[in-house]
Amino acid sequence: METHNYQSTITWTGNLGDGTTNYKSYNRNHTITISNKDNPILASSDPAFLGNKTRYNPEELLLSSIASCHMLWYLHLCATHQIIITKYTDQAKGVMQENQDGSGQFTSVTLYPKVIVKDASMIHKANQLHHEANKMCFIARSCNFPIKHNAFAETSPDED
């Protein structure tokens, strides 16, 4: 079994001069950098938790990681099954529940992948492969909440 290691540097940039004197004395801005990557990710907390709405928050990044990993596995499986996909979009949605003590957790994620399949006879198999992609996705396999799929495949009028 092969092991892969990842490293990320998180740097808080939200000290307004008094540090964390109180809950409202600082902002939640931070950068996420990974060696050998061109651009840092400008991040904050969700605006509901005093974050900067123009920056990515951890919850959005988790949802995006799930959707991205699913897409990459799905495209891989389509390639190995000779299903030609010419377009893929997903409007993923996640639900996070906040508890009375301030903690919280994701309770579900639903992916809405819409794909364009070159050959109409492959649409059924293309839709089935989403279930296989979910079984293979490293991120989905690491989650303790359900990840559902509302997939839609069609051919493009240009493909006919």
Protein backbone atom coordinates (compact mmCIF):
# COMPACT_ATOMS: atom_id res chain seq x y z
CA MET A 1 0.00 0.00 0.00
CA GLU A 2 1.38 3.39 -0.99
CA THR A 3 1.22 6.41 1.32
CA HIS A 4 0.94 10.03 0.15
CA ASN A 5 1.78 13.00 2.35
CA TYR A 6 0.47 16.53 1.96
CA GLN A 7 1.52 19.79 3.55
CA SER A 8 -0.23 23.13 3.74
CA THR A 9 0.79 26.34 5.48
CA ILE A 10 -1.92 28.43 7.11
CA THR A 11 -0.93 31.99 8.07
CA TRP A 12 -3.32 34.17 10.05
CA THR A 13 -3.32 37.74 8.67
CA GLY A 14 -6.19 39.09 10.76
CA ASN A 15 -4.44 40.69 13.72
CA LEU A 16 -5.88 44.23 13.84
CA GLY A 17 -3.34 45.34 16.45
CA ASP A 18 -4.70 43.85 19.66
CA GLY A 19 -4.64 40.18 18.72
CA THR A 20 -7.43 38.09 20.15
CA THR A 21 -8.31 40.45 22.98
CA ASN A 22 -11.94 39.49 22.43
CA TYR A 23 -14.07 37.71 19.83
CA LYS A 24 -14.63 40.87 17.78
CA SER A 25 -11.13 42.39 18.11
CA TYR A 26 -9.63 40.46 15.18
CA ASN A 27 -10.64 39.35 11.75
CA ARG A 28 -10.54 35.82 10.42
CA ASN A 29 -8.45 36.46 7.31
CA HIS A 30 -5.69 34.00 6.56
CA THR A 31 -3.76 32.60 3.62
CA ILE A 32 -3.35 29.01 2.60
CA THR A 33 -0.13 28.28 0.77
CA ILE A 34 1.27 25.09 -0.61
CA SER A 35 4.86 24.83 -1.83
CA ASN A 36 5.33 24.92 -5.56
CA LYS A 37 1.88 26.45 -6.15
CA ASP A 38 1.58 29.77 -7.95
CA ASN A 39 -1.05 31.51 -5.84
CA PRO A 40 -2.10 31.41 -2.21
CA ILE A 41 -5.75 30.89 -1.33
CA LEU A 42 -7.17 33.92 0.44
CA ALA A 43 -9.40 32.55 3.14
CA SER A 44 -11.50 33.61 6.11
CA SER A 45 -14.37 32.20 8.12
CA ASP A 46 -17.97 32.12 6.96
CA PRO A 47 -19.57 35.59 7.26
CA ALA A 48 -21.94 34.09 9.85
CA PHE A 49 -18.85 33.77 12.06
CA LEU A 50 -17.50 37.29 11.37
CA GLY A 51 -15.58 36.24 8.27
CA ASN A 52 -14.79 38.13 5.10
CA LYS A 53 -17.44 37.28 2.49
CA THR A 54 -15.00 37.92 -0.38
CA ARG A 55 -12.65 35.13 0.74
CA TYR A 56 -13.04 31.36 0.64
CA ASN A 57 -14.04 29.70 3.90
CA PRO A 58 -13.17 26.18 5.11
CA GLU A 59 -16.72 24.91 4.57
CA GLU A 60 -16.69 26.03 0.91
CA LEU A 61 -13.26 24.47 0.44
CA LEU A 62 -14.44 21.15 1.90
CA LEU A 63 -17.45 21.13 -0.42
CA SER A 64 -15.24 22.06 -3.38
CA SER A 65 -12.76 19.30 -2.49
CA ILE A 66 -15.52 16.70 -2.49
CA ALA A 67 -16.93 17.90 -5.82
CA SER A 68 -13.50 18.21 -7.43
CA CYS A 69 -12.33 14.76 -6.32
CA HIS A 70 -15.59 13.23 -7.54
CA MET A 71 -15.20 14.89 -10.95
CA LEU A 72 -11.62 13.71 -11.36
CA TRP A 73 -12.52 10.10 -10.52
CA TYR A 74 -15.60 10.26 -12.73
CA LEU A 75 -13.62 11.51 -15.74
CA HIS A 76 -11.02 8.78 -15.12
CA LEU A 77 -13.72 6.10 -15.05
CA CYS A 78 -15.36 7.46 -18.19
CA ALA A 79 -12.02 7.34 -19.99
CA THR A 80 -11.41 3.73 -18.94
CA HIS A 81 -14.95 2.77 -20.08
CA GLN A 82 -14.54 4.56 -23.44
CA ILE A 83 -17.24 7.12 -22.62
CA ILE A 84 -16.32 10.46 -24.13
CA ILE A 85 -17.33 13.38 -21.94
CA THR A 86 -16.99 16.81 -23.54
CA LYS A 87 -18.27 19.01 -20.70
CA TYR A 88 -18.73 18.68 -16.93
CA THR A 89 -20.21 21.17 -14.47
CA ASP A 90 -21.41 20.68 -10.91
CA GLN A 91 -23.39 23.00 -8.63
CA ALA A 92 -22.58 21.14 -5.40
CA LYS A 93 -24.45 21.92 -2.19
CA GLY A 94 -23.58 21.11 1.40
CA VAL A 95 -25.53 21.33 4.63
CA MET A 96 -23.74 22.14 7.88
CA GLN A 97 -25.55 21.96 11.18
CA GLU A 98 -24.45 24.27 13.97
CA ASN A 99 -24.91 22.93 17.49
CA GLN A 100 -25.94 24.87 20.60
CA ASP A 101 -22.38 24.82 21.94
CA GLY A 102 -21.08 26.47 18.75
CA SER A 103 -19.59 23.32 17.26
CA GLY A 104 -20.98 21.95 14.04
CA GLN A 105 -20.63 19.38 11.33
CA PHE A 106 -21.65 18.72 7.76
CA THR A 107 -24.76 16.55 7.66
CA SER A 108 -24.90 16.01 3.90
CA VAL A 109 -23.51 16.99 0.54
CA THR A 110 -25.32 16.66 -2.76
CA LEU A 111 -23.48 16.84 -6.06
CA TYR A 112 -25.34 17.96 -9.18
CA PRO A 113 -23.00 16.95 -11.99
CA LYS A 114 -24.23 17.78 -15.47
CA VAL A 115 -22.21 16.14 -18.23
CA ILE A 116 -22.25 16.20 -21.98
CA VAL A 117 -21.68 12.74 -23.45
CA LYS A 118 -20.53 12.45 -27.06
CA ASP A 119 -22.50 9.24 -27.77
CA ALA A 120 -26.15 9.10 -26.65
CA SER A 121 -25.96 5.31 -26.29
CA MET A 122 -23.51 5.81 -23.40
CA ILE A 123 -25.74 8.08 -21.28
CA HIS A 124 -27.02 5.30 -19.01
CA LYS A 125 -23.52 3.99 -18.28
CA ALA A 126 -22.26 7.57 -17.83
CA ASN A 127 -24.88 8.15 -15.13
CA GLN A 128 -24.04 4.86 -13.39
CA LEU A 129 -20.36 5.74 -13.12
CA HIS A 130 -21.11 8.48 -10.59
CA HIS A 131 -21.74 5.76 -7.99
CA GLU A 132 -18.40 4.14 -8.78
CA ALA A 133 -16.64 7.51 -8.63
CA ASN A 134 -18.09 8.10 -5.16
CA LYS A 135 -16.69 4.74 -4.01
CA MET A 136 -13.25 5.66 -5.33
CA CYS A 137 -13.01 9.35 -4.32
CA PHE A 138 -10.39 9.82 -1.62
CA ILE A 139 -12.21 12.77 -0.09
CA ALA A 140 -15.69 11.19 -0.10
CA ARG A 141 -14.27 8.04 1.51
CA SER A 142 -12.89 10.22 4.31
CA CYS A 143 -16.23 11.85 5.17
CA ASN A 144 -18.65 10.64 7.85
CA PHE A 145 -21.79 12.11 6.27
CA PRO A 146 -23.77 11.08 3.17
CA ILE A 147 -22.72 12.32 -0.24
CA LYS A 148 -25.58 12.09 -2.71
CA HIS A 149 -25.64 12.54 -6.46
CA ASN A 150 -28.28 14.10 -8.64
CA ALA A 151 -26.50 13.50 -11.94
CA PHE A 152 -27.71 14.42 -15.39
CA ALA A 153 -26.11 13.40 -18.66
CA GLU A 154 -27.13 14.41 -22.15
CA THR A 155 -25.68 14.83 -25.60
CA SER A 156 -25.04 18.23 -27.03
CA PRO A 157 -26.87 19.20 -30.21
CA ASP A 158 -23.38 19.92 -31.57
CA GLU A 159 -22.39 16.29 -30.88
CA ASP A 160 -25.15 14.73 -33.00
